[in-house]
PDB file of N, CA and C in Angstrom:
ATOM      1  N   MET A   1      92.849 -89.712  13.354  1.00  0.00           N
ATOM      2  CA  MET A   1      92.035 -89.050  14.349  1.00  0.00           C
ATOM      3  C   MET A   1      90.635 -89.653  14.299  1.00  0.00           C
ATOM      4  N   SER A   2      90.159 -90.113  15.416  1.00  0.00           N
ATOM      5  CA  SER A   2      88.822 -90.692  15.520  1.00  0.00           C
ATOM      6  C   SER A   2      87.837 -89.651  16.019  1.00  0.00           C
ATOM      7  N   HIS A   3      86.580 -89.836  15.656  1.00  0.00           N
ATOM      8  CA  HIS A   3      85.511 -88.950  16.129  1.00  0.00           C
ATOM      9  C   HIS A   3      84.489 -89.784  16.889  1.00  0.00           C
ATOM     10  N   HIS A   4      84.018 -89.245  17.997  1.00  0.00           N
ATOM     11  CA  HIS A   4      83.006 -89.907  18.813  1.00  0.00           C
ATOM     12  C   HIS A   4      81.945 -88.881  19.200  1.00  0.00           C
ATOM     13  N   ASP A   5      80.950 -88.661  18.352  1.00  0.00           N
ATOM     14  CA  ASP A   5      79.838 -87.755  18.643  1.00  0.00           C
ATOM     15  C   ASP A   5      80.280 -86.421  19.237  1.00  0.00           C
ATOM     16  N   GLY A   6      81.029 -85.647  18.473  1.00  0.00           N
ATOM     17  CA  GLY A   6      81.449 -84.323  18.921  1.00  0.00           C
ATOM     18  C   GLY A   6      82.782 -84.317  19.645  1.00  0.00           C
ATOM     19  N   TRP A   7      83.408 -85.471  19.785  1.00  0.00           N
ATOM     20  CA  TRP A   7      84.708 -85.592  20.443  1.00  0.00           C
ATOM     21  C   TRP A   7      85.713 -86.129  19.434  1.00  0.00           C
ATOM     22  N   SER A   8      86.945 -85.645  19.518  1.00  0.00           N
ATOM     23  CA  SER A   8      88.022 -86.121  18.652  1.00  0.00           C
ATOM     24  C   SER A   8      89.125 -86.725  19.495  1.00  0.00           C
ATOM     25  N   THR A   9      89.751 -87.764  18.970  1.00  0.00           N
ATOM     26  CA  THR A   9      90.862 -88.403  19.674  1.00  0.00           C
ATOM     27  C   THR A   9      92.115 -87.556  19.510  1.00  0.00           C
ATOM     28  N   LEU A  10      92.600 -87.051  20.617  1.00  0.00           N
ATOM     29  CA  LEU A  10      93.820 -86.251  20.628  1.00  0.00           C
ATOM     30  C   LEU A  10      95.034 -87.160  20.493  1.00  0.00           C
ATOM     31  N   MET A  11      95.026 -88.287  21.217  1.00  0.00           N
ATOM     32  CA  MET A  11      96.118 -89.254  21.154  1.00  0.00           C
ATOM     33  C   MET A  11      95.668 -90.559  21.785  1.00  0.00           C
ATOM     34  N   GLU A  12      96.480 -91.580  21.636  1.00  0.00           N
ATOM     35  CA  GLU A  12      96.248 -92.851  22.312  1.00  0.00           C
ATOM     36  C   GLU A  12      97.361 -93.046  23.324  1.00  0.00           C
ATOM     37  N   ALA A  13      96.980 -93.365  24.547  1.00  0.00           N
ATOM     38  CA  ALA A  13      97.945 -93.634  25.614  1.00  0.00           C
ATOM     39  C   ALA A  13      98.177 -95.141  25.708  1.00  0.00           C
ATOM     40  N   ASN A  14      99.308 -95.512  26.268  1.00  0.00           N
ATOM     41  CA  ASN A  14      99.659 -96.929  26.414  1.00  0.00           C
ATOM     42  C   ASN A  14      99.190 -97.486  27.749  1.00  0.00           C
ATOM     43  N   GLY A  15      97.950 -97.271  28.075  1.00  0.00           N
ATOM     44  CA  GLY A  15      97.393 -97.793  29.313  1.00  0.00           C
ATOM     45  C   GLY A  15      96.650 -96.730  30.086  1.00  0.00           C
ATOM     46  N   ARG A  16      95.870 -97.184  31.038  1.00  0.00           N
ATOM     47  CA  ARG A  16      94.993 -96.304  31.803  1.00  0.00           C
ATOM     48  C   ARG A  16      95.768 -95.305  32.661  1.00  0.00           C
ATOM     49  N   PHE A  17      96.886 -95.743  33.253  1.00  0.00           N
ATOM     50  CA  PHE A  17      97.663 -94.872  34.131  1.00  0.00           C
ATOM     51  C   PHE A  17      98.176 -93.646  33.378  1.00  0.00           C
ATOM     52  N   GLU A  18      98.800 -93.863  32.230  1.00  0.00           N
ATOM     53  CA  GLU A  18      99.298 -92.753  31.402  1.00  0.00           C
ATOM     54  C   GLU A  18      98.144 -91.854  30.968  1.00  0.00           C
ATOM     55  N   ALA A  19      97.023 -92.463  30.581  1.00  0.00           N
ATOM     56  CA  ALA A  19      95.859 -91.701  30.134  1.00  0.00           C
ATOM     57  C   ALA A  19      95.317 -90.806  31.242  1.00  0.00           C
ATOM     58  N   GLU A  20      95.251 -91.329  32.466  1.00  0.00           N
ATOM     59  CA  GLU A  20      94.735 -90.547  33.595  1.00  0.00           C
ATOM     60  C   GLU A  20      95.639 -89.359  33.908  1.00  0.00           C
ATOM     61  N   ILE A  21      96.948 -89.545  33.823  1.00  0.00           N
ATOM     62  CA  ILE A  21      97.887 -88.447  34.066  1.00  0.00           C
ATOM     63  C   ILE A  21      97.692 -87.336  33.037  1.00  0.00           C
ATOM     64  N   LEU A  22      97.604 -87.711  31.771  1.00  0.00           N
ATOM     65  CA  LEU A  22      97.407 -86.707  30.720  1.00  0.00           C
ATOM     66  C   LEU A  22      96.038 -86.045  30.829  1.00  0.00           C
ATOM     67  N   LYS A  23      95.030 -86.814  31.197  1.00  0.00           N
ATOM     68  CA  LYS A  23      93.679 -86.260  31.385  1.00  0.00           C
ATOM     69  C   LYS A  23      93.700 -85.172  32.460  1.00  0.00           C
ATOM     70  N   GLU A  24      94.321 -85.479  33.599  1.00  0.00           N
ATOM     71  CA  GLU A  24      94.421 -84.501  34.694  1.00  0.00           C
ATOM     72  C   GLU A  24      95.137 -83.230  34.242  1.00  0.00           C
ATOM     73  N   ALA A  25      96.246 -83.395  33.541  1.00  0.00           N
ATOM     74  CA  ALA A  25      97.027 -82.237  33.084  1.00  0.00           C
ATOM     75  C   ALA A  25      96.210 -81.384  32.116  1.00  0.00           C
ATOM     76  N   LEU A  26      95.508 -82.015  31.211  1.00  0.00           N
ATOM     77  CA  LEU A  26      94.659 -81.275  30.265  1.00  0.00           C
ATOM     78  C   LEU A  26      93.530 -80.549  30.991  1.00  0.00           C
ATOM     79  N   GLU A  27      92.898 -81.230  31.948  1.00  0.00           N
ATOM     80  CA  GLU A  27      91.785 -80.617  32.683  1.00  0.00           C
ATOM     81  C   GLU A  27      92.263 -79.427  33.509  1.00  0.00           C
ATOM     82  N   ILE A  28      93.443 -79.512  34.074  1.00  0.00           N
ATOM     83  CA  ILE A  28      93.993 -78.389  34.840  1.00  0.00           C
ATOM     84  C   ILE A  28      94.117 -77.158  33.949  1.00  0.00           C
ATOM     85  N   ASP A  29      94.431 -77.376  32.678  1.00  0.00           N
ATOM     86  CA  ASP A  29      94.564 -76.263  31.749  1.00  0.00           C
ATOM     87  C   ASP A  29      93.259 -75.922  31.036  1.00  0.00           C
ATOM     88  N   GLY A  30      92.134 -76.446  31.526  1.00  0.00           N
ATOM     89  CA  GLY A  30      90.827 -76.009  31.054  1.00  0.00           C
ATOM     90  C   GLY A  30      90.188 -76.832  29.951  1.00  0.00           C
ATOM     91  N   PHE A  31      90.781 -77.951  29.585  1.00  0.00           N
ATOM     92  CA  PHE A  31      90.196 -78.779  28.540  1.00  0.00           C
ATOM     93  C   PHE A  31      89.210 -79.783  29.143  1.00  0.00           C
ATOM     94  N   SER A  32      88.168 -80.073  28.391  1.00  0.00           N
ATOM     95  CA  SER A  32      87.267 -81.170  28.743  1.00  0.00           C
ATOM     96  C   SER A  32      87.866 -82.426  28.128  1.00  0.00           C
ATOM     97  N   VAL A  33      87.855 -83.522  28.882  1.00  0.00           N
ATOM     98  CA  VAL A  33      88.509 -84.752  28.414  1.00  0.00           C
ATOM     99  C   VAL A  33      87.667 -85.962  28.784  1.00  0.00           C
ATOM    100  N   VAL A  34      87.562 -86.910  27.846  1.00  0.00           N
ATOM    101  CA  VAL A  34      87.001 -88.219  28.145  1.00  0.00           C
ATOM    102  C   VAL A  34      88.015 -89.263  27.690  1.00  0.00           C
ATOM    103  N   LEU A  35      88.039 -90.377  28.406  1.00  0.00           N
ATOM    104  CA  LEU A  35      88.910 -91.494  28.060  1.00  0.00           C
ATOM    105  C   LEU A  35      88.048 -92.630  27.527  1.00  0.00           C
ATOM    106  N   ILE A  36      88.485 -93.219  26.429  1.00  0.00           N
ATOM    107  CA  ILE A  36      87.748 -94.321  25.825  1.00  0.00           C
ATOM    108  C   ILE A  36      88.689 -95.514  25.713  1.00  0.00           C
ATOM    109  N   GLN A  37      88.236 -96.651  26.272  1.00  0.00           N
ATOM    110  CA  GLN A  37      89.045 -97.864  26.271  1.00  0.00           C
ATOM    111  C   GLN A  37      88.136 -99.060  26.070  1.00  0.00           C
ATOM    112  N   GLU A  38      88.609-100.032  25.317  1.00  0.00           N
ATOM    113  CA  GLU A  38      87.866-101.278  25.151  1.00  0.00           C
ATOM    114  C   GLU A  38      87.660-101.924  26.517  1.00  0.00           C
ATOM    115  N   ALA A  39      86.503-102.503  26.747  1.00  0.00           N
ATOM    116  CA  ALA A  39      86.195-103.114  28.039  1.00  0.00           C
ATOM    117  C   ALA A  39      87.188-104.216  28.404  1.00  0.00           C
ATOM    118  N   VAL A  40      87.609-105.010  27.434  1.00  0.00           N
ATOM    119  CA  VAL A  40      88.554-106.087  27.701  1.00  0.00           C
ATOM    120  C   VAL A  40      89.896-105.520  28.159  1.00  0.00           C
ATOM    121  N   GLY A  41      90.279-104.346  27.651  1.00  0.00           N
ATOM    122  CA  GLY A  41      91.528-103.715  28.053  1.00  0.00           C
ATOM    123  C   GLY A  41      91.516-103.276  29.502  1.00  0.00           C
ATOM    124  N   GLN A  42      90.329-103.087  30.073  1.00  0.00           N
ATOM    125  CA  GLN A  42      90.227-102.716  31.474  1.00  0.00           C
ATOM    126  C   GLN A  42      90.311-103.935  32.380  1.00  0.00           C
ATOM    127  N   LEU A  43      89.995-105.106  31.851  1.00  0.00           N
ATOM    128  CA  LEU A  43      90.004-106.326  32.653  1.00  0.00           C
ATOM    129  C   LEU A  43      91.383-106.962  32.745  1.00  0.00           C
ATOM    130  N   TYR A  44      92.122-106.902  31.646  1.00  0.00           N
ATOM    131  CA  TYR A  44      93.424-107.544  31.591  1.00  0.00           C
ATOM    132  C   TYR A  44      94.505-106.497  31.359  1.00  0.00           C
ATOM    133  N   VAL A  45      95.508-106.459  32.186  1.00  0.00           N
ATOM    134  CA  VAL A  45      96.592-105.495  32.037  1.00  0.00           C
ATOM    135  C   VAL A  45      97.628-106.100  31.100  1.00  0.00           C
ATOM    136  N   LEU A  46      97.561-105.696  29.859  1.00  0.00           N
ATOM    137  CA  LEU A  46      98.475-106.177  28.839  1.00  0.00           C
ATOM    138  C   LEU A  46      99.066-104.972  28.120  1.00  0.00           C
ATOM    139  N   PRO A  47     100.076-104.328  28.690  1.00  0.00           N
ATOM    140  CA  PRO A  47     100.569-103.066  28.156  1.00  0.00           C
ATOM    141  C   PRO A  47     101.014-103.105  26.708  1.00  0.00           C
ATOM    142  N   SER A  48     101.450-104.255  26.216  1.00  0.00           N
ATOM    143  CA  SER A  48     101.933-104.301  24.845  1.00  0.00           C
ATOM    144  C   SER A  48     100.827-104.637  23.847  1.00  0.00           C
ATOM    145  N   MET A  49      99.643-104.898  24.335  1.00  0.00           N
ATOM    146  CA  MET A  49      98.542-105.276  23.462  1.00  0.00           C
ATOM    147  C   MET A  49      97.706-104.054  23.087  1.00  0.00           C
ATOM    148  N   PRO A  50      97.155-104.046  21.869  1.00  0.00           N
ATOM    149  CA  PRO A  50      96.333-102.916  21.433  1.00  0.00           C
ATOM    150  C   PRO A  50      95.129-102.661  22.334  1.00  0.00           C
ATOM    151  N   LEU A  51      94.617-103.692  23.013  1.00  0.00           N
ATOM    152  CA  LEU A  51      93.442-103.512  23.860  1.00  0.00           C
ATOM    153  C   LEU A  51      93.737-102.659  25.084  1.00  0.00           C
ATOM    154  N   SER A  52      95.019-102.497  25.436  1.00  0.00           N
ATOM    155  CA  SER A  52      95.351-101.670  26.588  1.00  0.00           C
ATOM    156  C   SER A  52      95.438-100.197  26.215  1.00  0.00           C
ATOM    157  N   ARG A  53      95.309 -99.892  24.957  1.00  0.00           N
ATOM    158  CA  ARG A  53      95.358 -98.501  24.496  1.00  0.00           C
ATOM    159  C   ARG A  53      94.112 -97.751  24.959  1.00  0.00           C
ATOM    160  N   VAL A  54      94.317 -96.510  25.354  1.00  0.00           N
ATOM    161  CA  VAL A  54      93.222 -95.660  25.807  1.00  0.00           C
ATOM    162  C   VAL A  54      93.220 -94.399  24.954  1.00  0.00           C
ATOM    163  N   GLU A  55      92.085 -94.103  24.340  1.00  0.00           N
ATOM    164  CA  GLU A  55      91.956 -92.886  23.554  1.00  0.00           C
ATOM    165  C   GLU A  55      91.696 -91.711  24.493  1.00  0.00           C
ATOM    166  N   ILE A  56      92.457 -90.653  24.312  1.00  0.00           N
ATOM    167  CA  ILE A  56      92.244 -89.412  25.058  1.00  0.00           C
ATOM    168  C   ILE A  56      91.532 -88.469  24.096  1.00  0.00           C
ATOM    169  N   CYS A  57      90.280 -88.147  24.433  1.00  0.00           N
ATOM    170  CA  CYS A  57      89.432 -87.376  23.525  1.00  0.00           C
ATOM    171  C   CYS A  57      89.066 -86.020  24.123  1.00  0.00           C
ATOM    172  N   VAL A  58      89.005 -85.028  23.249  1.00  0.00           N
ATOM    173  CA  VAL A  58      88.592 -83.679  23.625  1.00  0.00           C
ATOM    174  C   VAL A  58      87.459 -83.264  22.695  1.00  0.00           C
ATOM    175  N   PRO A  59      86.651 -82.279  23.113  1.00  0.00           N
ATOM    176  CA  PRO A  59      85.584 -81.808  22.221  1.00  0.00           C
ATOM    177  C   PRO A  59      86.172 -81.273  20.915  1.00  0.00           C
ATOM    178  N   ASP A  60      85.443 -81.479  19.831  1.00  0.00           N
ATOM    179  CA  ASP A  60      85.906 -81.006  18.521  1.00  0.00           C
ATOM    180  C   ASP A  60      86.312 -79.531  18.567  1.00  0.00           C
ATOM    181  N   ALA A  61      85.553 -78.725  19.309  1.00  0.00           N
ATOM    182  CA  ALA A  61      85.820 -77.283  19.379  1.00  0.00           C
ATOM    183  C   ALA A  61      87.149 -76.972  20.077  1.00  0.00           C
ATOM    184  N   GLN A  62      87.655 -77.891  20.894  1.00  0.00           N
ATOM    185  CA  GLN A  62      88.915 -77.671  21.615  1.00  0.00           C
ATOM    186  C   GLN A  62      90.091 -78.409  20.983  1.00  0.00           C
ATOM    187  N   PHE A  63      89.837 -79.145  19.917  1.00  0.00           N
ATOM    188  CA  PHE A  63      90.850 -80.043  19.369  1.00  0.00           C
ATOM    189  C   PHE A  63      92.130 -79.323  18.947  1.00  0.00           C
ATOM    190  N   GLU A  64      92.022 -78.243  18.196  1.00  0.00           N
ATOM    191  CA  GLU A  64      93.230 -77.550  17.717  1.00  0.00           C
ATOM    192  C   GLU A  64      94.051 -77.004  18.884  1.00  0.00           C
ATOM    193  N   ASN A  65      93.397 -76.408  19.867  1.00  0.00           N
ATOM    194  CA  ASN A  65      94.115 -75.901  21.039  1.00  0.00           C
ATOM    195  C   ASN A  65      94.741 -77.043  21.831  1.00  0.00           C
ATOM    196  N   ALA A  66      94.044 -78.168  21.905  1.00  0.00           N
ATOM    197  CA  ALA A  66      94.579 -79.323  22.622  1.00  0.00           C
ATOM    198  C   ALA A  66      95.787 -79.905  21.891  1.00  0.00           C
ATOM    199  N   GLN A  67      95.777 -79.878  20.561  1.00  0.00           N
ATOM    200  CA  GLN A  67      96.938 -80.335  19.800  1.00  0.00           C
ATOM    201  C   GLN A  67      98.154 -79.459  20.096  1.00  0.00           C
ATOM    202  N   ALA A  68      97.940 -78.145  20.148  1.00  0.00           N
ATOM    203  CA  ALA A  68      99.035 -77.220  20.466  1.00  0.00           C
ATOM    204  C   ALA A  68      99.536 -77.479  21.883  1.00  0.00           C
ATOM    205  N   TRP A  69      98.612 -77.733  22.827  1.00  0.00           N
ATOM    206  CA  TRP A  69      98.995 -78.036  24.204  1.00  0.00           C
ATOM    207  C   TRP A  69      99.839 -79.307  24.246  1.00  0.00           C
ATOM    208  N   LEU A  70      99.402 -80.349  23.521  1.00  0.00           N
ATOM    209  CA  LEU A  70     100.110 -81.623  23.516  1.00  0.00           C
ATOM    210  C   LEU A  70     101.511 -81.476  22.928  1.00  0.00           C
ATOM    211  N   GLU A  71     101.640 -80.691  21.893  1.00  0.00           N
ATOM    212  CA  GLU A  71     102.960 -80.449  21.300  1.00  0.00           C
ATOM    213  C   GLU A  71     103.880 -79.758  22.308  1.00  0.00           C
ATOM    214  N   ALA A  72     103.350 -78.749  22.990  1.00  0.00           N
ATOM    215  CA  ALA A  72     104.136 -78.056  24.021  1.00  0.00           C
ATOM    216  C   ALA A  72     104.495 -79.011  25.152  1.00  0.00           C
ATOM    217  N   TYR A  73     103.558 -79.874  25.539  1.00  0.00           N
ATOM    218  CA  TYR A  73     103.791 -80.866  26.594  1.00  0.00           C
ATOM    219  C   TYR A  73     104.923 -81.809  26.187  1.00  0.00           C
ATOM    220  N   ASN A  74     104.839 -82.319  24.970  1.00  0.00           N
ATOM    221  CA  ASN A  74     105.852 -83.262  24.483  1.00  0.00           C
ATOM    222  C   ASN A  74     107.226 -82.619  24.337  1.00  0.00           C
ATOM    223  N   ASN A  75     107.260 -81.307  24.116  1.00  0.00           N
ATOM    224  CA  ASN A  75     108.525 -80.582  23.973  1.00  0.00           C
ATOM    225  C   ASN A  75     109.031 -80.014  25.292  1.00  0.00           C
ATOM    226  N   GLY A  76     108.314 -80.291  26.385  1.00  0.00           N
ATOM    227  CA  GLY A  76     108.726 -79.790  27.693  1.00  0.00           C
ATOM    228  C   GLY A  76     108.582 -78.289  27.844  1.00  0.00           C
ATOM    229  N   GLU A  77     107.658 -77.712  27.104  1.00  0.00           N
ATOM    230  CA  GLU A  77     107.503 -76.251  27.091  1.00  0.00           C
ATOM    231  C   GLU A  77     106.400 -75.741  28.015  1.00  0.00           C
ATOM    232  N   LEU A  78     105.693 -76.629  28.689  1.00  0.00           N
ATOM    233  CA  LEU A  78     104.627 -76.179  29.582  1.00  0.00           C
ATOM    234  C   LEU A  78     105.224 -75.670  30.874  1.00  0.00           C
ATOM    235  N   ARG A  79     104.682 -74.595  31.371  1.00  0.00           N
ATOM    236  CA  ARG A  79     105.149 -73.995  32.622  1.00  0.00           C
ATOM    237  C   ARG A  79     104.434 -74.664  33.783  1.00  0.00           C
ATOM    238  N   ASN A  80     105.170 -74.997  34.820  1.00  0.00           N
ATOM    239  CA  ASN A  80     104.597 -75.613  36.012  1.00  0.00           C
ATOM    240  C   ASN A  80     104.452 -74.545  37.084  1.00  0.00           C
ATOM    241  N   ASP A  81     103.223 -74.056  37.277  1.00  0.00           N
ATOM    242  CA  ASP A  81     102.975 -73.012  38.270  1.00  0.00           C
ATOM    243  C   ASP A  81     103.077 -73.535  39.697  1.00  0.00           C
ATOM    244  N   ASN A  82     103.121 -74.850  39.870  1.00  0.00           N
ATOM    245  CA  ASN A  82     103.215 -75.431  41.208  1.00  0.00           C
ATOM    246  C   ASN A  82     104.618 -75.904  41.527  1.00  0.00           C
ATOM    247  N   ALA A  83     105.613 -75.433  40.790  1.00  0.00           N
ATOM    248  CA  ALA A  83     106.990 -75.892  40.991  1.00  0.00           C
ATOM    249  C   ALA A  83     107.462 -75.620  42.399  1.00  0.00           C
ATOM    250  N   GLU A  84     106.980 -74.537  43.010  1.00  0.00           N
ATOM    251  CA  GLU A  84     107.445 -74.202  44.362  1.00  0.00           C
ATOM    252  C   GLU A  84     107.041 -75.259  45.398  1.00  0.00           C
ATOM    253  N   LEU A  85     106.045 -76.093  45.084  1.00  0.00           N
ATOM    254  CA  LEU A  85     105.632 -77.128  46.023  1.00  0.00           C
ATOM    255  C   LEU A  85     106.733 -78.150  46.262  1.00  0.00           C
ATOM    256  N   GLY A  86     107.552 -78.389  45.260  1.00  0.00           N
ATOM    257  CA  GLY A  86     108.632 -79.361  45.408  1.00  0.00           C
ATOM    258  C   GLY A  86     109.934 -78.736  45.867  1.00  0.00           C
ATOM    259  N   ASP A  87     109.966 -77.400  45.965  1.00  0.00           N
ATOM    260  CA  ASP A  87     111.192 -76.696  46.347  1.00  0.00           C
ATOM    261  C   ASP A  87     111.171 -76.359  47.822  1.00  0.00           C
ATOM    262  N   CYS A  88     111.306 -77.348  48.650  1.00  0.00           N
ATOM    263  CA  CYS A  88     111.287 -77.132  50.102  1.00  0.00           C
ATOM    264  C   CYS A  88     112.713 -77.087  50.633  1.00  0.00           C
ATOM    265  N   ASP A  89     112.970 -76.158  51.538  1.00  0.00           N
ATOM    266  CA  ASP A  89     114.264 -76.114  52.200  1.00  0.00           C
ATOM    267  C   ASP A  89     114.246 -77.072  53.369  1.00  0.00           C
ATOM    268  N   HIS A  90     115.258 -77.901  53.450  1.00  0.00           N
ATOM    269  CA  HIS A  90     115.348 -78.879  54.534  1.00  0.00           C
ATOM    270  C   HIS A  90     116.532 -78.562  55.419  1.00  0.00           C
ATOM    271  N   GLU A  91     116.595 -77.349  55.899  1.00  0.00           N
ATOM    272  CA  GLU A  91     117.735 -76.932  56.738  1.00  0.00           C
ATOM    273  C   GLU A  91     117.442 -77.081  58.192  1.00  0.00           C
TER     274      GLU A  91
END
């Protein structure tokens, strides 16, 4: 776990796209999130290289709750309150 002036790394994503998706999901559930990526990783898309890794960071005060959220996310236990948006009848 890395620390960045009051922020802790919750996880590392394998690229900016994955990081942005997780950032949005965390923010929807009330977490503050910053993404940290090496500048070279933003210039060259090299998914298998360490430079493409993006740190997903939350405030130290939210870290434990964010860890619990991430565990629930990884286990498919998060409830999707917008599920009805995809349930359209096409009759």
